[in-house]
């Protein structure tokens, strides 16, 4: 247990920061899940909208320090590829 006032303050700060970071990560996962659900449902328009909302959230996670830049880039790339594949598949089947 902390024996100094500064150490006790650090414990309080860490608890607050942990809660905030958990909230941010959870929010990012929710946005990612919405894109994936739209892709699985085959709803191109909803997938595009969800991706447009998810990308800034993921980038914000990098800015806030809850995600590594490469992790965020990889997730954005994979989501983008899924949405693009959905658009290509529908465009090819529509003629």
PDB file of N, CA and C in Angstrom:
ATOM      1  N   UNK A   1       0.839  -1.182   0.000  1.00  0.00           N
ATOM      2  CA  UNK A   1       0.000   0.000   0.000  1.00  0.00           C
ATOM      3  C   UNK A   1       0.879   1.238   0.000  1.00  0.00           C
ATOM      4  N   UNK A   2       0.341   2.323  -0.535  1.00  0.00           N
ATOM      5  CA  UNK A   2       1.114   3.559  -0.661  1.00  0.00           C
ATOM      6  C   UNK A   2       1.386   4.180   0.699  1.00  0.00           C
ATOM      7  N   UNK A   3       2.605   4.648   0.854  1.00  0.00           N
ATOM      8  CA  UNK A   3       3.005   5.267   2.114  1.00  0.00           C
ATOM      9  C   UNK A   3       3.186   6.775   2.002  1.00  0.00           C
ATOM     10  N   UNK A   4       3.117   7.327   0.805  1.00  0.00           N
ATOM     11  CA  UNK A   4       3.323   8.759   0.604  1.00  0.00           C
ATOM     12  C   UNK A   4       2.088   9.368  -0.038  1.00  0.00           C
ATOM     13  N   UNK A   5       1.893  10.646   0.205  1.00  0.00           N
ATOM     14  CA  UNK A   5       0.737  11.335  -0.378  1.00  0.00           C
ATOM     15  C   UNK A   5       0.794  11.298  -1.896  1.00  0.00           C
ATOM     16  N   UNK A   6       1.991  11.474  -2.436  1.00  0.00           N
ATOM     17  CA  UNK A   6       2.135  11.475  -3.894  1.00  0.00           C
ATOM     18  C   UNK A   6       1.784  10.100  -4.475  1.00  0.00           C
ATOM     19  N   UNK A   7       2.140   9.046  -3.761  1.00  0.00           N
ATOM     20  CA  UNK A   7       1.821   7.695  -4.231  1.00  0.00           C
ATOM     21  C   UNK A   7       0.315   7.447  -4.156  1.00  0.00           C
ATOM     22  N   UNK A   8      -0.319   7.968  -3.105  1.00  0.00           N
ATOM     23  CA  UNK A   8      -1.782   7.828  -2.995  1.00  0.00           C
ATOM     24  C   UNK A   8      -2.475   8.580  -4.122  1.00  0.00           C
ATOM     25  N   UNK A   9      -1.959   9.758  -4.440  1.00  0.00           N
ATOM     26  CA  UNK A   9      -2.529  10.541  -5.542  1.00  0.00           C
ATOM     27  C   UNK A   9      -2.366   9.786  -6.864  1.00  0.00           C
ATOM     28  N   UNK A  10      -1.197   9.196  -7.049  1.00  0.00           N
ATOM     29  CA  UNK A  10      -0.957   8.418  -8.259  1.00  0.00           C
ATOM     30  C   UNK A  10      -1.954   7.264  -8.380  1.00  0.00           C
ATOM     31  N   UNK A  11      -2.277   6.625  -7.295  1.00  0.00           N
ATOM     32  CA  UNK A  11      -3.249   5.531  -7.299  1.00  0.00           C
ATOM     33  C   UNK A  11      -4.620   6.050  -7.737  1.00  0.00           C
ATOM     34  N   UNK A  12      -5.013   7.201  -7.199  1.00  0.00           N
ATOM     35  CA  UNK A  12      -6.306   7.799  -7.587  1.00  0.00           C
ATOM     36  C   UNK A  12      -6.317   8.156  -9.071  1.00  0.00           C
ATOM     37  N   UNK A  13      -5.229   8.735  -9.544  1.00  0.00           N
ATOM     38  CA  UNK A  13      -5.152   9.120 -10.955  1.00  0.00           C
ATOM     39  C   UNK A  13      -5.210   7.892 -11.865  1.00  0.00           C
ATOM     40  N   UNK A  14      -4.519   6.853 -11.470  1.00  0.00           N
ATOM     41  CA  UNK A  14      -4.494   5.624 -12.260  1.00  0.00           C
ATOM     42  C   UNK A  14      -5.884   5.004 -12.354  1.00  0.00           C
ATOM     43  N   UNK A  15      -6.614   5.020 -11.255  1.00  0.00           N
ATOM     44  CA  UNK A  15      -7.974   4.467 -11.272  1.00  0.00           C
ATOM     45  C   UNK A  15      -8.866   5.239 -12.234  1.00  0.00           C
ATOM     46  N   UNK A  16      -8.787   6.564 -12.192  1.00  0.00           N
ATOM     47  CA  UNK A  16      -9.593   7.401 -13.094  1.00  0.00           C
ATOM     48  C   UNK A  16      -9.214   7.145 -14.551  1.00  0.00           C
ATOM     49  N   UNK A  17      -7.900   7.111 -14.792  1.00  0.00           N
ATOM     50  CA  UNK A  17      -7.416   6.922 -16.156  1.00  0.00           C
ATOM     51  C   UNK A  17      -7.802   5.547 -16.686  1.00  0.00           C
ATOM     52  N   UNK A  18      -7.738   4.530 -15.828  1.00  0.00           N
ATOM     53  CA  UNK A  18      -8.099   3.175 -16.234  1.00  0.00           C
ATOM     54  C   UNK A  18      -9.564   3.114 -16.657  1.00  0.00           C
ATOM     55  N   UNK A  19     -10.438   3.744 -15.883  1.00  0.00           N
ATOM     56  CA  UNK A  19     -11.859   3.761 -16.236  1.00  0.00           C
ATOM     57  C   UNK A  19     -12.089   4.464 -17.569  1.00  0.00           C
ATOM     58  N   UNK A  20     -11.425   5.589 -17.756  1.00  0.00           N
ATOM     59  CA  UNK A  20     -11.588   6.346 -18.994  1.00  0.00           C
ATOM     60  C   UNK A  20     -11.073   5.548 -20.187  1.00  0.00           C
ATOM     61  N   UNK A  21      -9.911   4.917 -20.029  1.00  0.00           N
ATOM     62  CA  UNK A  21      -9.344   4.141 -21.133  1.00  0.00           C
ATOM     63  C   UNK A  21     -10.206   2.931 -21.474  1.00  0.00           C
ATOM     64  N   UNK A  22     -10.748   2.260 -20.445  1.00  0.00           N
ATOM     65  CA  UNK A  22     -11.647   1.129 -20.702  1.00  0.00           C
ATOM     66  C   UNK A  22     -12.860   1.580 -21.498  1.00  0.00           C
ATOM     67  N   UNK A  23     -13.387   2.736 -21.132  1.00  0.00           N
ATOM     68  CA  UNK A  23     -14.539   3.285 -21.835  1.00  0.00           C
ATOM     69  C   UNK A  23     -14.200   3.565 -23.298  1.00  0.00           C
ATOM     70  N   UNK A  24     -13.037   4.143 -23.537  1.00  0.00           N
ATOM     71  CA  UNK A  24     -12.620   4.456 -24.911  1.00  0.00           C
ATOM     72  C   UNK A  24     -12.450   3.188 -25.739  1.00  0.00           C
ATOM     73  N   UNK A  25     -11.794   2.182 -25.171  1.00  0.00           N
ATOM     74  CA  UNK A  25     -11.571   0.928 -25.898  1.00  0.00           C
ATOM     75  C   UNK A  25     -12.907   0.251 -26.194  1.00  0.00           C
ATOM     76  N   UNK A  26     -13.809   0.267 -25.231  1.00  0.00           N
ATOM     77  CA  UNK A  26     -15.123  -0.339 -25.415  1.00  0.00           C
ATOM     78  C   UNK A  26     -15.887   0.371 -26.539  1.00  0.00           C
ATOM     79  N   UNK A  27     -15.797   1.692 -26.559  1.00  0.00           N
ATOM     80  CA  UNK A  27     -16.470   2.483 -27.591  1.00  0.00           C
ATOM     81  C   UNK A  27     -15.911   2.135 -28.972  1.00  0.00           C
ATOM     82  N   UNK A  28     -14.602   2.011 -29.077  1.00  0.00           N
ATOM     83  CA  UNK A  28     -13.973   1.657 -30.349  1.00  0.00           C
ATOM     84  C   UNK A  28     -14.444   0.281 -30.806  1.00  0.00           C
ATOM     85  N   UNK A  29     -14.479  -0.674 -29.880  1.00  0.00           N
ATOM     86  CA  UNK A  29     -14.922  -2.028 -30.227  1.00  0.00           C
ATOM     87  C   UNK A  29     -16.368  -2.023 -30.712  1.00  0.00           C
ATOM     88  N   UNK A  30     -17.198  -1.182 -30.118  1.00  0.00           N
ATOM     89  CA  UNK A  30     -18.598  -1.086 -30.533  1.00  0.00           C
ATOM     90  C   UNK A  30     -18.693  -0.601 -31.973  1.00  0.00           C
ATOM     91  N   UNK A  31     -17.919   0.432 -32.318  1.00  0.00           N
ATOM     92  CA  UNK A  31     -17.936   0.950 -33.682  1.00  0.00           C
ATOM     93  C   UNK A  31     -17.449  -0.109 -34.672  1.00  0.00           C
ATOM     94  N   UNK A  32     -16.411  -0.852 -34.299  1.00  0.00           N
ATOM     95  CA  UNK A  32     -15.892  -1.912 -35.167  1.00  0.00           C
ATOM     96  C   UNK A  32     -16.943  -2.997 -35.349  1.00  0.00           C
ATOM     97  N   UNK A  33     -17.616  -3.360 -34.247  1.00  0.00           N
ATOM     98  CA  UNK A  33     -18.641  -4.404 -34.313  1.00  0.00           C
ATOM     99  C   UNK A  33     -19.776  -3.989 -35.250  1.00  0.00           C
ATOM    100  N   UNK A  34     -20.157  -2.716 -35.233  1.00  0.00           N
ATOM    101  CA  UNK A  34     -21.233  -2.242 -36.110  1.00  0.00           C
ATOM    102  C   UNK A  34     -20.869  -2.416 -37.582  1.00  0.00           C
ATOM    103  N   UNK A  35     -19.622  -2.136 -37.922  1.00  0.00           N
ATOM    104  CA  UNK A  35     -19.176  -2.318 -39.310  1.00  0.00           C
ATOM    105  C   UNK A  35     -19.233  -3.800 -39.670  1.00  0.00           C
ATOM    106  N   UNK A  36     -18.691  -4.642 -38.792  1.00  0.00           N
ATOM    107  CA  UNK A  36     -18.658  -6.080 -39.076  1.00  0.00           C
ATOM    108  C   UNK A  36     -20.056  -6.671 -39.198  1.00  0.00           C
ATOM    109  N   UNK A  37     -20.980  -6.212 -38.364  1.00  0.00           N
ATOM    110  CA  UNK A  37     -22.361  -6.709 -38.444  1.00  0.00           C
ATOM    111  C   UNK A  37     -23.010  -6.300 -39.760  1.00  0.00           C
ATOM    112  N   UNK A  38     -22.765  -5.070 -40.196  1.00  0.00           N
ATOM    113  CA  UNK A  38     -23.335  -4.607 -41.463  1.00  0.00           C
ATOM    114  C   UNK A  38     -22.756  -5.395 -42.631  1.00  0.00           C
ATOM    115  N   UNK A  39     -21.471  -5.705 -42.568  1.00  0.00           N
ATOM    116  CA  UNK A  39     -20.828  -6.489 -43.628  1.00  0.00           C
ATOM    117  C   UNK A  39     -21.411  -7.897 -43.656  1.00  0.00           C
ATOM    118  N   UNK A  40     -21.564  -8.508 -42.486  1.00  0.00           N
ATOM    119  CA  UNK A  40     -22.133  -9.860 -42.430  1.00  0.00           C
ATOM    120  C   UNK A  40     -23.565  -9.893 -42.954  1.00  0.00           C
ATOM    121  N   UNK A  41     -24.312  -8.817 -42.673  1.00  0.00           N
ATOM    122  CA  UNK A  41     -25.690  -8.744 -43.148  1.00  0.00           C
ATOM    123  C   UNK A  41     -25.754  -8.449 -44.641  1.00  0.00           C
ATOM    124  N   UNK A  42     -24.638  -8.018 -45.216  1.00  0.00           N
ATOM    125  CA  UNK A  42     -24.611  -7.709 -46.644  1.00  0.00           C
ATOM    126  C   UNK A  42     -25.195  -6.348 -46.970  1.00  0.00           C
ATOM    127  N   UNK A  43     -25.315  -5.489 -45.981  1.00  0.00           N
ATOM    128  CA  UNK A  43     -25.898  -4.155 -46.170  1.00  0.00           C
ATOM    129  C   UNK A  43     -24.774  -3.160 -46.489  1.00  0.00           C
ATOM    130  N   UNK A  44     -24.597  -2.891 -47.781  1.00  0.00           N
ATOM    131  CA  UNK A  44     -23.493  -2.052 -48.239  1.00  0.00           C
ATOM    132  C   UNK A  44     -23.571  -0.631 -47.699  1.00  0.00           C
ATOM    133  N   UNK A  45     -24.746  -0.016 -47.768  1.00  0.00           N
ATOM    134  CA  UNK A  45     -24.883   1.376 -47.328  1.00  0.00           C
ATOM    135  C   UNK A  45     -24.642   1.516 -45.829  1.00  0.00           C
ATOM    136  N   UNK A  46     -25.207   0.608 -45.061  1.00  0.00           N
ATOM    137  CA  UNK A  46     -25.020   0.651 -43.610  1.00  0.00           C
ATOM    138  C   UNK A  46     -23.559   0.394 -43.251  1.00  0.00           C
ATOM    139  N   UNK A  47     -22.901  -0.496 -43.994  1.00  0.00           N
ATOM    140  CA  UNK A  47     -21.488  -0.792 -43.748  1.00  0.00           C
ATOM    141  C   UNK A  47     -20.633   0.435 -44.028  1.00  0.00           C
ATOM    142  N   UNK A  48     -20.937   1.137 -45.103  1.00  0.00           N
ATOM    143  CA  UNK A  48     -20.178   2.357 -45.432  1.00  0.00           C
ATOM    144  C   UNK A  48     -20.354   3.419 -44.355  1.00  0.00           C
ATOM    145  N   UNK A  49     -21.591   3.610 -43.932  1.00  0.00           N
ATOM    146  CA  UNK A  49     -21.859   4.607 -42.885  1.00  0.00           C
ATOM    147  C   UNK A  49     -21.150   4.229 -41.585  1.00  0.00           C
ATOM    148  N   UNK A  50     -21.230   2.967 -41.229  1.00  0.00           N
ATOM    149  CA  UNK A  50     -20.595   2.505 -39.998  1.00  0.00           C
ATOM    150  C   UNK A  50     -19.081   2.659 -40.084  1.00  0.00           C
ATOM    151  N   UNK A  51     -18.522   2.376 -41.261  1.00  0.00           N
ATOM    152  CA  UNK A  51     -17.077   2.524 -41.432  1.00  0.00           C
ATOM    153  C   UNK A  51     -16.670   3.992 -41.340  1.00  0.00           C
ATOM    154  N   UNK A  52     -17.479   4.867 -41.927  1.00  0.00           N
ATOM    155  CA  UNK A  52     -17.189   6.307 -41.865  1.00  0.00           C
ATOM    156  C   UNK A  52     -17.211   6.820 -40.433  1.00  0.00           C
ATOM    157  N   UNK A  53     -18.041   6.219 -39.596  1.00  0.00           N
ATOM    158  CA  UNK A  53     -18.096   6.605 -38.186  1.00  0.00           C
ATOM    159  C   UNK A  53     -16.980   5.950 -37.378  1.00  0.00           C
ATOM    160  N   UNK A  54     -16.590   4.741 -37.768  1.00  0.00           N
ATOM    161  CA  UNK A  54     -15.600   3.983 -36.994  1.00  0.00           C
ATOM    162  C   UNK A  54     -14.179   4.498 -37.196  1.00  0.00           C
ATOM    163  N   UNK A  55     -13.860   4.889 -38.410  1.00  0.00           N
ATOM    164  CA  UNK A  55     -12.479   5.298 -38.691  1.00  0.00           C
ATOM    165  C   UNK A  55     -12.000   6.442 -37.801  1.00  0.00           C
ATOM    166  N   UNK A  56     -12.748   7.531 -37.655  1.00  0.00           N
ATOM    167  CA  UNK A  56     -12.279   8.599 -36.761  1.00  0.00           C
ATOM    168  C   UNK A  56     -12.190   8.154 -35.297  1.00  0.00           C
ATOM    169  N   UNK A  57     -13.084   7.268 -34.884  1.00  0.00           N
ATOM    170  CA  UNK A  57     -13.039   6.767 -33.497  1.00  0.00           C
ATOM    171  C   UNK A  57     -11.756   5.979 -33.257  1.00  0.00           C
ATOM    172  N   UNK A  58     -11.387   5.151 -34.232  1.00  0.00           N
ATOM    173  CA  UNK A  58     -10.169   4.359 -34.096  1.00  0.00           C
ATOM    174  C   UNK A  58      -8.955   5.288 -34.058  1.00  0.00           C
ATOM    175  N   UNK A  59      -8.940   6.273 -34.933  1.00  0.00           N
ATOM    176  CA  UNK A  59      -7.821   7.232 -34.953  1.00  0.00           C
ATOM    177  C   UNK A  59      -7.760   8.040 -33.656  1.00  0.00           C
ATOM    178  N   UNK A  60      -8.907   8.343 -33.098  1.00  0.00           N
ATOM    179  CA  UNK A  60      -8.941   9.057 -31.824  1.00  0.00           C
ATOM    180  C   UNK A  60      -8.332   8.193 -30.717  1.00  0.00           C
ATOM    181  N   UNK A  61      -8.537   6.882 -30.811  1.00  0.00           N
ATOM    182  CA  UNK A  61      -7.940   5.966 -29.846  1.00  0.00           C
ATOM    183  C   UNK A  61      -6.420   6.045 -29.864  1.00  0.00           C
ATOM    184  N   UNK A  62      -5.858   6.250 -31.055  1.00  0.00           N
ATOM    185  CA  UNK A  62      -4.406   6.410 -31.167  1.00  0.00           C
ATOM    186  C   UNK A  62      -3.986   7.718 -30.506  1.00  0.00           C
ATOM    187  N   UNK A  63      -4.722   8.775 -30.790  1.00  0.00           N
ATOM    188  CA  UNK A  63      -4.389  10.091 -30.241  1.00  0.00           C
ATOM    189  C   UNK A  63      -4.464  10.093 -28.716  1.00  0.00           C
ATOM    190  N   UNK A  64      -5.403   9.334 -28.172  1.00  0.00           N
ATOM    191  CA  UNK A  64      -5.574   9.282 -26.720  1.00  0.00           C
ATOM    192  C   UNK A  64      -4.660   8.256 -26.064  1.00  0.00           C
ATOM    193  N   UNK A  65      -3.976   7.455 -26.868  1.00  0.00           N
ATOM    194  CA  UNK A  65      -2.999   6.527 -26.321  1.00  0.00           C
ATOM    195  C   UNK A  65      -3.545   5.181 -25.886  1.00  0.00           C
ATOM    196  N   UNK A  66      -4.750   4.816 -26.328  1.00  0.00           N
ATOM    197  CA  UNK A  66      -5.293   3.512 -25.941  1.00  0.00           C
ATOM    198  C   UNK A  66      -5.054   2.458 -27.019  1.00  0.00           C
ATOM    199  N   UNK A  67      -4.662   2.896 -28.217  1.00  0.00           N
ATOM    200  CA  UNK A  67      -4.333   1.979 -29.302  1.00  0.00           C
ATOM    201  C   UNK A  67      -2.983   2.369 -29.896  1.00  0.00           C
ATOM    202  N   UNK A  68      -2.231   1.371 -30.326  1.00  0.00           N
ATOM    203  CA  UNK A  68      -0.983   1.628 -31.031  1.00  0.00           C
ATOM    204  C   UNK A  68      -1.324   2.013 -32.466  1.00  0.00           C
ATOM    205  N   UNK A  69      -0.521   2.872 -33.064  1.00  0.00           N
ATOM    206  CA  UNK A  69      -0.771   3.350 -34.423  1.00  0.00           C
ATOM    207  C   UNK A  69      -0.880   2.203 -35.417  1.00  0.00           C
ATOM    208  N   UNK A  70       0.030   1.244 -35.330  1.00  0.00           N
ATOM    209  CA  UNK A  70      -0.011   0.132 -36.283  1.00  0.00           C
ATOM    210  C   UNK A  70      -1.249  -0.732 -36.090  1.00  0.00           C
ATOM    211  N   UNK A  71      -1.683  -0.910 -34.853  1.00  0.00           N
ATOM    212  CA  UNK A  71      -2.895  -1.678 -34.573  1.00  0.00           C
ATOM    213  C   UNK A  71      -4.102  -0.985 -35.196  1.00  0.00           C
ATOM    214  N   UNK A  72      -4.183   0.318 -35.004  1.00  0.00           N
ATOM    215  CA  UNK A  72      -5.293   1.085 -35.560  1.00  0.00           C
ATOM    216  C   UNK A  72      -5.281   1.026 -37.080  1.00  0.00           C
ATOM    217  N   UNK A  73      -4.112   1.186 -37.666  1.00  0.00           N
ATOM    218  CA  UNK A  73      -3.998   1.144 -39.125  1.00  0.00           C
ATOM    219  C   UNK A  73      -4.425  -0.211 -39.663  1.00  0.00           C
ATOM    220  N   UNK A  74      -4.020  -1.271 -38.979  1.00  0.00           N
ATOM    221  CA  UNK A  74      -4.382  -2.627 -39.406  1.00  0.00           C
ATOM    222  C   UNK A  74      -5.895  -2.830 -39.337  1.00  0.00           C
ATOM    223  N   UNK A  75      -6.499  -2.387 -38.253  1.00  0.00           N
ATOM    224  CA  UNK A  75      -7.953  -2.556 -38.108  1.00  0.00           C
ATOM    225  C   UNK A  75      -8.710  -1.757 -39.158  1.00  0.00           C
ATOM    226  N   UNK A  76      -8.291  -0.523 -39.403  1.00  0.00           N
ATOM    227  CA  UNK A  76      -8.940   0.310 -40.413  1.00  0.00           C
ATOM    228  C   UNK A  76      -8.798  -0.335 -41.782  1.00  0.00           C
ATOM    229  N   UNK A  77      -7.602  -0.834 -42.068  1.00  0.00           N
ATOM    230  CA  UNK A  77      -7.352  -1.469 -43.359  1.00  0.00           C
ATOM    231  C   UNK A  77      -8.246  -2.688 -43.566  1.00  0.00           C
ATOM    232  N   UNK A  78      -8.348  -3.518 -42.548  1.00  0.00           N
ATOM    233  CA  UNK A  78      -9.163  -4.734 -42.667  1.00  0.00           C
ATOM    234  C   UNK A  78     -10.639  -4.404 -42.826  1.00  0.00           C
ATOM    235  N   UNK A  79     -11.113  -3.425 -42.054  1.00  0.00           N
ATOM    236  CA  UNK A  79     -12.516  -3.025 -42.181  1.00  0.00           C
ATOM    237  C   UNK A  79     -12.783  -2.444 -43.569  1.00  0.00           C
ATOM    238  N   UNK A  80     -11.873  -1.605 -44.023  1.00  0.00           N
ATOM    239  CA  UNK A  80     -12.016  -0.988 -45.338  1.00  0.00           C
ATOM    240  C   UNK A  80     -12.071  -2.051 -46.427  1.00  0.00           C
ATOM    241  N   UNK A  81     -11.217  -3.044 -46.297  1.00  0.00           N
ATOM    242  CA  UNK A  81     -11.181  -4.120 -47.285  1.00  0.00           C
ATOM    243  C   UNK A  81     -12.493  -4.898 -47.301  1.00  0.00           C
ATOM    244  N   UNK A  82     -13.060  -5.128 -46.120  1.00  0.00           N
ATOM    245  CA  UNK A  82     -14.336  -5.850 -46.036  1.00  0.00           C
ATOM    246  C   UNK A  82     -15.461  -5.045 -46.688  1.00  0.00           C
ATOM    247  N   UNK A  83     -15.500  -3.745 -46.401  1.00  0.00           N
ATOM    248  CA  UNK A  83     -16.548  -2.890 -46.967  1.00  0.00           C
ATOM    249  C   UNK A  83     -16.384  -2.796 -48.473  1.00  0.00           C
ATOM    250  N   UNK A  84     -15.147  -2.660 -48.924  1.00  0.00           N
ATOM    251  CA  UNK A  84     -14.871  -2.572 -50.352  1.00  0.00           C
ATOM    252  C   UNK A  84     -15.270  -3.854 -51.066  1.00  0.00           C
ATOM    253  N   UNK A  85     -14.957  -5.004 -50.455  1.00  0.00           N
ATOM    254  CA  UNK A  85     -15.310  -6.290 -51.055  1.00  0.00           C
ATOM    255  C   UNK A  85     -16.828  -6.425 -51.178  1.00  0.00           C
ATOM    256  N   UNK A  86     -17.532  -5.922 -50.201  1.00  0.00           N
ATOM    257  CA  UNK A  86     -18.992  -5.957 -50.214  1.00  0.00           C
ATOM    258  C   UNK A  86     -19.515  -5.100 -51.372  1.00  0.00           C
ATOM    259  N   UNK A  87     -18.933  -3.938 -51.575  1.00  0.00           N
ATOM    260  CA  UNK A  87     -19.345  -3.043 -52.646  1.00  0.00           C
ATOM    261  C   UNK A  87     -19.055  -3.655 -54.015  1.00  0.00           C
ATOM    262  N   UNK A  88     -17.888  -4.275 -54.160  1.00  0.00           N
ATOM    263  CA  UNK A  88     -17.503  -4.906 -55.415  1.00  0.00           C
ATOM    264  C   UNK A  88     -18.412  -6.086 -55.727  1.00  0.00           C
ATOM    265  N   UNK A  89     -18.723  -6.878 -54.700  1.00  0.00           N
ATOM    266  CA  UNK A  89     -19.582  -8.045 -54.878  1.00  0.00           C
ATOM    267  C   UNK A  89     -20.978  -7.624 -55.328  1.00  0.00           C
ATOM    268  N   UNK A  90     -21.497  -6.574 -54.743  1.00  0.00           N
ATOM    269  CA  UNK A  90     -22.841  -6.101 -55.132  1.00  0.00           C
ATOM    270  C   UNK A  90     -22.830  -5.457 -56.495  1.00  0.00           C
ATOM    271  N   UNK A  91     -21.769  -4.738 -56.813  1.00  0.00           N
ATOM    272  CA  UNK A  91     -21.673  -4.076 -58.123  1.00  0.00           C
ATOM    273  C   UNK A  91     -21.560  -5.129 -59.232  1.00  0.00           C
ATOM    274  N   UNK A  92     -20.846  -6.207 -58.967  1.00  0.00           N
ATOM    275  CA  UNK A  92     -20.688  -7.267 -59.959  1.00  0.00           C
ATOM    276  C   UNK A  92     -21.966  -8.057 -60.167  1.00  0.00           C
ATOM    277  N   UNK A  93     -22.798  -8.170 -59.149  1.00  0.00           N
ATOM    278  CA  UNK A  93     -24.025  -8.959 -59.234  1.00  0.00           C
ATOM    279  C   UNK A  93     -25.209  -8.134 -59.723  1.00  0.00           C
ATOM    280  N   UNK A  94     -25.050  -6.815 -59.833  1.00  0.00           N
ATOM    281  CA  UNK A  94     -26.173  -5.941 -60.146  1.00  0.00           C
ATOM    282  C   UNK A  94     -26.502  -5.754 -61.618  1.00  0.00           C
ATOM    283  N   UNK A  95     -25.642  -6.102 -62.592  1.00  0.00           N
ATOM    284  CA  UNK A  95     -25.943  -5.732 -63.993  1.00  0.00           C
ATOM    285  C   UNK A  95     -27.201  -6.344 -64.444  1.00  0.00           C
TER     286      UNK A  95
END
